[in-house]
C-alpha cells in the first residue's frame, strides 16, 4: 500500500508586539482579600459563623419556635450555615498557617457551590421568619404571648449572616469565572 504521510513544517513564532513586550507575560491574579485562604476570607467566615450561631442559639432558646414551620426552617438553615462556615474557617486557618493558596479549580468550585446553597437557604429562611414575625407582631398582636423579641433577633442575625456570606460567594464566583 502506498500511504501518504503528513509533512510537518515548523512554523516560526510570530514576532512579539510592542504591547506584549511592555506588559510582560500574563501572571495569575494575586489573592484578593475575602477569597479562600486569605485573612479577609477568614474574617468573613468567622462573621458568618458567629451571626448564624447566635441566630441558632436565640431561636432554639425559645420554647415555641417549633410551632411555625418558617422558624424550624430558620433553625435548620442557620445550623447548616454555622457548620459550613466553621469548617471553611478551619480550612482558612490551615491555609494561612501553612501559607498555601486555595486557588485550585476544584476547591473554588466547591466553595462557590456551597456558598451559593447556604446563602440561598439562609436568605430564604430569614425572609420566611421575618414574614411570620411581622404576622405575629403587627397583624395578630400576639407579641405578649409569643417571644417576638427573640424571633426578631434571630431573624436579624440570620440576615446579617447572609450579608456576610454574600461577598464570599461573589468573590468565589468571580474567581471561578476568571479562570
C-alpha atoms as a PDB file:
ATOM      1  CA  UNK A   1       0.000   0.000   0.000  1.00  0.00           C
ATOM      2  CA  UNK A   2       1.120   3.411  -0.799  1.00  0.00           C
ATOM      3  CA  UNK A   3       0.058   5.685   2.074  1.00  0.00           C
ATOM      4  CA  UNK A   4       0.889   9.287   2.267  1.00  0.00           C
ATOM      5  CA  UNK A   5       2.437  10.643   5.380  1.00  0.00           C
ATOM      6  CA  UNK A   6       1.725  14.120   6.700  1.00  0.00           C
ATOM      7  CA  UNK A   7       4.522  16.554   6.332  1.00  0.00           C
ATOM      8  CA  UNK A   8       5.345  18.683   9.325  1.00  0.00           C
ATOM      9  CA  UNK A   9       6.703  22.094   8.598  1.00  0.00           C
ATOM     10  CA  UNK A  10       7.998  24.067  11.566  1.00  0.00           C
ATOM     11  CA  UNK A  11       6.323  27.404  11.975  1.00  0.00           C
ATOM     12  CA  UNK A  12       8.133  30.344  13.422  1.00  0.00           C
ATOM     13  CA  UNK A  13       6.570  32.147  16.329  1.00  0.00           C
ATOM     14  CA  UNK A  14       5.108  35.476  15.373  1.00  0.00           C
ATOM     15  CA  UNK A  15       7.184  38.417  16.477  1.00  0.00           C
ATOM     16  CA  UNK A  16       6.199  39.974  19.777  1.00  0.00           C
ATOM     17  CA  UNK A  17       4.125  43.073  19.521  1.00  0.00           C
ATOM     18  CA  UNK A  18       5.092  46.193  21.355  1.00  0.00           C
ATOM     19  CA  UNK A  19       2.239  45.763  23.863  1.00  0.00           C
ATOM     20  CA  UNK A  20       3.372  42.229  24.728  1.00  0.00           C
ATOM     21  CA  UNK A  21       6.915  43.423  25.355  1.00  0.00           C
ATOM     22  CA  UNK A  22       5.793  46.274  27.617  1.00  0.00           C
ATOM     23  CA  UNK A  23       3.218  44.307  29.628  1.00  0.00           C
ATOM     24  CA  UNK A  24       5.295  41.163  30.021  1.00  0.00           C
ATOM     25  CA  UNK A  25       3.864  37.689  30.431  1.00  0.00           C
ATOM     26  CA  UNK A  26       0.436  37.228  31.914  1.00  0.00           C
ATOM     27  CA  UNK A  27       0.522  36.335  35.583  1.00  0.00           C
ATOM     28  CA  UNK A  28      -2.088  34.839  37.870  1.00  0.00           C
ATOM     29  CA  UNK A  29      -4.221  37.276  39.741  1.00  0.00           C
ATOM     30  CA  UNK A  30      -2.967  37.758  43.257  1.00  0.00           C
ATOM     31  CA  UNK A  31      -5.177  36.775  46.143  1.00  0.00           C
ATOM     32  CA  UNK A  32      -7.898  39.307  46.833  1.00  0.00           C
ATOM     33  CA  UNK A  33      -8.827  39.694  50.496  1.00  0.00           C
ATOM     34  CA  UNK A  34     -12.062  37.841  51.079  1.00  0.00           C
ATOM     35  CA  UNK A  35     -11.154  34.874  48.919  1.00  0.00           C
ATOM     36  CA  UNK A  36     -10.484  31.457  50.486  1.00  0.00           C
ATOM     37  CA  UNK A  37      -7.133  31.172  52.218  1.00  0.00           C
ATOM     38  CA  UNK A  38      -6.760  34.892  52.979  1.00  0.00           C
ATOM     39  CA  UNK A  39      -7.169  36.802  56.223  1.00  0.00           C
ATOM     40  CA  UNK A  40     -10.148  38.661  54.777  1.00  0.00           C
ATOM     41  CA  UNK A  41     -11.759  35.352  53.866  1.00  0.00           C
ATOM     42  CA  UNK A  42     -11.162  34.085  57.389  1.00  0.00           C
ATOM     43  CA  UNK A  43     -12.787  37.196  58.873  1.00  0.00           C
ATOM     44  CA  UNK A  44     -15.826  36.773  56.599  1.00  0.00           C
ATOM     45  CA  UNK A  45     -16.130  33.092  57.564  1.00  0.00           C
ATOM     46  CA  UNK A  46     -15.897  33.887  61.264  1.00  0.00           C
ATOM     47  CA  UNK A  47     -18.561  36.606  60.913  1.00  0.00           C
ATOM     48  CA  UNK A  48     -20.810  34.163  59.091  1.00  0.00           C
ATOM     49  CA  UNK A  49     -20.311  31.582  61.797  1.00  0.00           C
ATOM     50  CA  UNK A  50     -20.834  33.974  64.716  1.00  0.00           C
ATOM     51  CA  UNK A  51     -24.039  35.551  63.401  1.00  0.00           C
ATOM     52  CA  UNK A  52     -25.584  32.284  62.260  1.00  0.00           C
ATOM     53  CA  UNK A  53     -24.669  30.609  65.548  1.00  0.00           C
ATOM     54  CA  UNK A  54     -26.221  33.490  67.525  1.00  0.00           C
ATOM     55  CA  UNK A  55     -29.362  33.188  65.396  1.00  0.00           C
ATOM     56  CA  UNK A  56     -29.455  29.443  66.030  1.00  0.00           C
ATOM     57  CA  UNK A  57     -28.988  29.809  69.791  1.00  0.00           C
ATOM     58  CA  UNK A  58     -31.552  32.599  70.164  1.00  0.00           C
ATOM     59  CA  UNK A  59     -34.174  30.756  68.143  1.00  0.00           C
ATOM     60  CA  UNK A  60     -33.518  27.436  69.886  1.00  0.00           C
ATOM     61  CA  UNK A  61     -33.800  29.109  73.286  1.00  0.00           C
ATOM     62  CA  UNK A  62     -37.479  29.844  72.698  1.00  0.00           C
ATOM     63  CA  UNK A  63     -39.930  27.187  73.725  1.00  0.00           C
ATOM     64  CA  UNK A  64     -42.370  27.673  70.866  1.00  0.00           C
ATOM     65  CA  UNK A  65     -40.237  28.074  67.741  1.00  0.00           C
ATOM     66  CA  UNK A  66     -41.352  24.649  66.512  1.00  0.00           C
ATOM     67  CA  UNK A  67     -44.939  25.839  66.127  1.00  0.00           C
ATOM     68  CA  UNK A  68     -44.114  27.784  62.936  1.00  0.00           C
ATOM     69  CA  UNK A  69     -42.541  25.973  60.006  1.00  0.00           C
ATOM     70  CA  UNK A  70     -40.588  29.081  58.993  1.00  0.00           C
ATOM     71  CA  UNK A  71     -38.856  29.161  62.373  1.00  0.00           C
ATOM     72  CA  UNK A  72     -37.962  25.464  62.096  1.00  0.00           C
ATOM     73  CA  UNK A  73     -36.591  26.192  58.640  1.00  0.00           C
ATOM     74  CA  UNK A  74     -34.549  29.069  60.073  1.00  0.00           C
ATOM     75  CA  UNK A  75     -33.043  26.804  62.732  1.00  0.00           C
ATOM     76  CA  UNK A  76     -32.143  24.237  60.080  1.00  0.00           C
ATOM     77  CA  UNK A  77     -30.700  26.808  57.658  1.00  0.00           C
ATOM     78  CA  UNK A  78     -28.571  28.697  60.181  1.00  0.00           C
ATOM     79  CA  UNK A  79     -27.440  25.397  61.699  1.00  0.00           C
ATOM     80  CA  UNK A  80     -26.220  24.297  58.286  1.00  0.00           C
ATOM     81  CA  UNK A  81     -24.707  27.754  57.730  1.00  0.00           C
ATOM     82  CA  UNK A  82     -22.857  27.512  61.048  1.00  0.00           C
ATOM     83  CA  UNK A  83     -21.351  24.136  60.203  1.00  0.00           C
ATOM     84  CA  UNK A  84     -20.372  25.218  56.693  1.00  0.00           C
ATOM     85  CA  UNK A  85     -18.784  28.481  57.835  1.00  0.00           C
ATOM     86  CA  UNK A  86     -16.941  26.871  60.735  1.00  0.00           C
ATOM     87  CA  UNK A  87     -15.488  24.121  58.559  1.00  0.00           C
ATOM     88  CA  UNK A  88     -14.309  26.629  55.954  1.00  0.00           C
ATOM     89  CA  UNK A  89     -12.901  28.895  58.667  1.00  0.00           C
ATOM     90  CA  UNK A  90     -10.821  25.958  59.931  1.00  0.00           C
ATOM     91  CA  UNK A  91      -9.652  25.331  56.365  1.00  0.00           C
ATOM     92  CA  UNK A  92      -8.756  29.028  56.000  1.00  0.00           C
ATOM     93  CA  UNK A  93      -6.786  28.929  59.266  1.00  0.00           C
ATOM     94  CA  UNK A  94      -4.877  25.914  57.987  1.00  0.00           C
ATOM     95  CA  UNK A  95      -4.174  27.546  54.611  1.00  0.00           C
ATOM     96  CA  UNK A  96      -2.954  30.743  56.260  1.00  0.00           C
ATOM     97  CA  UNK A  97      -0.774  28.927  58.780  1.00  0.00           C
ATOM     98  CA  UNK A  98       0.999  26.781  56.166  1.00  0.00           C
ATOM     99  CA  UNK A  99       0.930  29.613  53.587  1.00  0.00           C
ATOM    100  CA  UNK A 100      -0.999  27.653  50.995  1.00  0.00           C
ATOM    101  CA  UNK A 101      -3.218  29.130  48.343  1.00  0.00           C
ATOM    102  CA  UNK A 102      -6.696  27.724  47.934  1.00  0.00           C
ATOM    103  CA  UNK A 103      -6.897  28.676  44.266  1.00  0.00           C
ATOM    104  CA  UNK A 104      -7.434  25.180  42.924  1.00  0.00           C
ATOM    105  CA  UNK A 105     -10.260  24.930  40.402  1.00  0.00           C
ATOM    106  CA  UNK A 106     -11.958  22.120  42.324  1.00  0.00           C
ATOM    107  CA  UNK A 107     -11.687  23.901  45.676  1.00  0.00           C
ATOM    108  CA  UNK A 108     -13.053  27.171  44.328  1.00  0.00           C
ATOM    109  CA  UNK A 109     -15.896  25.326  42.596  1.00  0.00           C
ATOM    110  CA  UNK A 110     -16.756  23.532  45.855  1.00  0.00           C
ATOM    111  CA  UNK A 111     -16.659  26.799  47.830  1.00  0.00           C
ATOM    112  CA  UNK A 112     -18.798  28.585  45.237  1.00  0.00           C
ATOM    113  CA  UNK A 113     -21.463  25.892  45.127  1.00  0.00           C
ATOM    114  CA  UNK A 114     -21.521  25.544  48.926  1.00  0.00           C
ATOM    115  CA  UNK A 115     -21.685  29.293  49.488  1.00  0.00           C
ATOM    116  CA  UNK A 116     -24.441  29.624  46.893  1.00  0.00           C
ATOM    117  CA  UNK A 117     -26.533  26.902  48.506  1.00  0.00           C
ATOM    118  CA  UNK A 118     -26.058  28.095  52.076  1.00  0.00           C
ATOM    119  CA  UNK A 119     -26.628  31.749  51.209  1.00  0.00           C
ATOM    120  CA  UNK A 120     -29.849  30.897  49.393  1.00  0.00           C
ATOM    121  CA  UNK A 121     -31.075  28.749  52.283  1.00  0.00           C
ATOM    122  CA  UNK A 122     -30.192  31.382  54.871  1.00  0.00           C
ATOM    123  CA  UNK A 123     -31.803  34.216  52.923  1.00  0.00           C
ATOM    124  CA  UNK A 124     -34.982  32.252  52.265  1.00  0.00           C
ATOM    125  CA  UNK A 125     -35.251  31.203  55.914  1.00  0.00           C
ATOM    126  CA  UNK A 126     -34.635  34.749  57.143  1.00  0.00           C
ATOM    127  CA  UNK A 127     -37.295  36.124  54.787  1.00  0.00           C
ATOM    128  CA  UNK A 128     -39.832  33.498  55.831  1.00  0.00           C
ATOM    129  CA  UNK A 129     -39.106  34.117  59.509  1.00  0.00           C
ATOM    130  CA  UNK A 130     -39.398  37.862  59.028  1.00  0.00           C
ATOM    131  CA  UNK A 131     -42.822  37.360  57.464  1.00  0.00           C
ATOM    132  CA  UNK A 132     -44.023  35.212  60.358  1.00  0.00           C
ATOM    133  CA  UNK A 133     -42.586  37.674  62.877  1.00  0.00           C
ATOM    134  CA  UNK A 134     -44.460  40.558  61.225  1.00  0.00           C
ATOM    135  CA  UNK A 135     -47.606  38.455  61.153  1.00  0.00           C
ATOM    136  CA  UNK A 136     -47.351  37.646  64.875  1.00  0.00           C
ATOM    137  CA  UNK A 137     -46.356  41.140  65.965  1.00  0.00           C
ATOM    138  CA  UNK A 138     -48.259  43.518  63.741  1.00  0.00           C
ATOM    139  CA  UNK A 139     -51.204  41.620  62.331  1.00  0.00           C
ATOM    140  CA  UNK A 140     -52.205  39.293  65.150  1.00  0.00           C
ATOM    141  CA  UNK A 141     -50.959  41.476  68.054  1.00  0.00           C
ATOM    142  CA  UNK A 142     -49.755  38.373  69.889  1.00  0.00           C
ATOM    143  CA  UNK A 143     -46.305  39.534  71.000  1.00  0.00           C
ATOM    144  CA  UNK A 144     -47.323  39.289  74.641  1.00  0.00           C
ATOM    145  CA  UNK A 145     -47.969  35.564  74.231  1.00  0.00           C
ATOM    146  CA  UNK A 146     -45.009  34.821  71.929  1.00  0.00           C
ATOM    147  CA  UNK A 147     -41.309  35.631  72.025  1.00  0.00           C
ATOM    148  CA  UNK A 148     -41.374  38.362  69.384  1.00  0.00           C
ATOM    149  CA  UNK A 149     -38.138  39.983  70.508  1.00  0.00           C
ATOM    150  CA  UNK A 150     -36.248  36.718  70.289  1.00  0.00           C
ATOM    151  CA  UNK A 151     -37.791  35.892  66.933  1.00  0.00           C
ATOM    152  CA  UNK A 152     -36.814  39.314  65.590  1.00  0.00           C
ATOM    153  CA  UNK A 153     -33.290  38.996  66.977  1.00  0.00           C
ATOM    154  CA  UNK A 154     -32.788  35.564  65.444  1.00  0.00           C
ATOM    155  CA  UNK A 155     -34.140  36.786  62.108  1.00  0.00           C
ATOM    156  CA  UNK A 156     -31.879  39.853  62.156  1.00  0.00           C
ATOM    157  CA  UNK A 157     -28.829  37.701  62.927  1.00  0.00           C
ATOM    158  CA  UNK A 158     -29.734  35.418  60.018  1.00  0.00           C
ATOM    159  CA  UNK A 159     -29.907  38.423  57.691  1.00  0.00           C
ATOM    160  CA  UNK A 160     -26.529  39.676  58.941  1.00  0.00           C
ATOM    161  CA  UNK A 161     -25.090  36.207  58.367  1.00  0.00           C
ATOM    162  CA  UNK A 162     -26.438  36.341  54.827  1.00  0.00           C
ATOM    163  CA  UNK A 163     -24.813  39.756  54.337  1.00  0.00           C
ATOM    164  CA  UNK A 164     -21.510  38.207  55.435  1.00  0.00           C
ATOM    165  CA  UNK A 165     -21.751  35.219  53.087  1.00  0.00           C
ATOM    166  CA  UNK A 166     -22.676  37.245  50.012  1.00  0.00           C
ATOM    167  CA  UNK A 167     -19.160  38.708  49.477  1.00  0.00           C
ATOM    168  CA  UNK A 168     -17.660  35.239  49.904  1.00  0.00           C
ATOM    169  CA  UNK A 169     -19.972  33.806  47.267  1.00  0.00           C
ATOM    170  CA  UNK A 170     -19.419  36.697  44.848  1.00  0.00           C
ATOM    171  CA  UNK A 171     -15.615  36.602  45.190  1.00  0.00           C
ATOM    172  CA  UNK A 172     -15.527  32.843  44.711  1.00  0.00           C
ATOM    173  CA  UNK A 173     -17.853  33.085  41.723  1.00  0.00           C
ATOM    174  CA  UNK A 174     -15.713  35.850  40.227  1.00  0.00           C
ATOM    175  CA  UNK A 175     -12.556  33.826  40.769  1.00  0.00           C
ATOM    176  CA  UNK A 176     -14.166  30.763  39.211  1.00  0.00           C
ATOM    177  CA  UNK A 177     -15.332  32.752  36.203  1.00  0.00           C
ATOM    178  CA  UNK A 178     -11.915  34.371  35.680  1.00  0.00           C
ATOM    179  CA  UNK A 179     -10.012  31.080  35.470  1.00  0.00           C
END
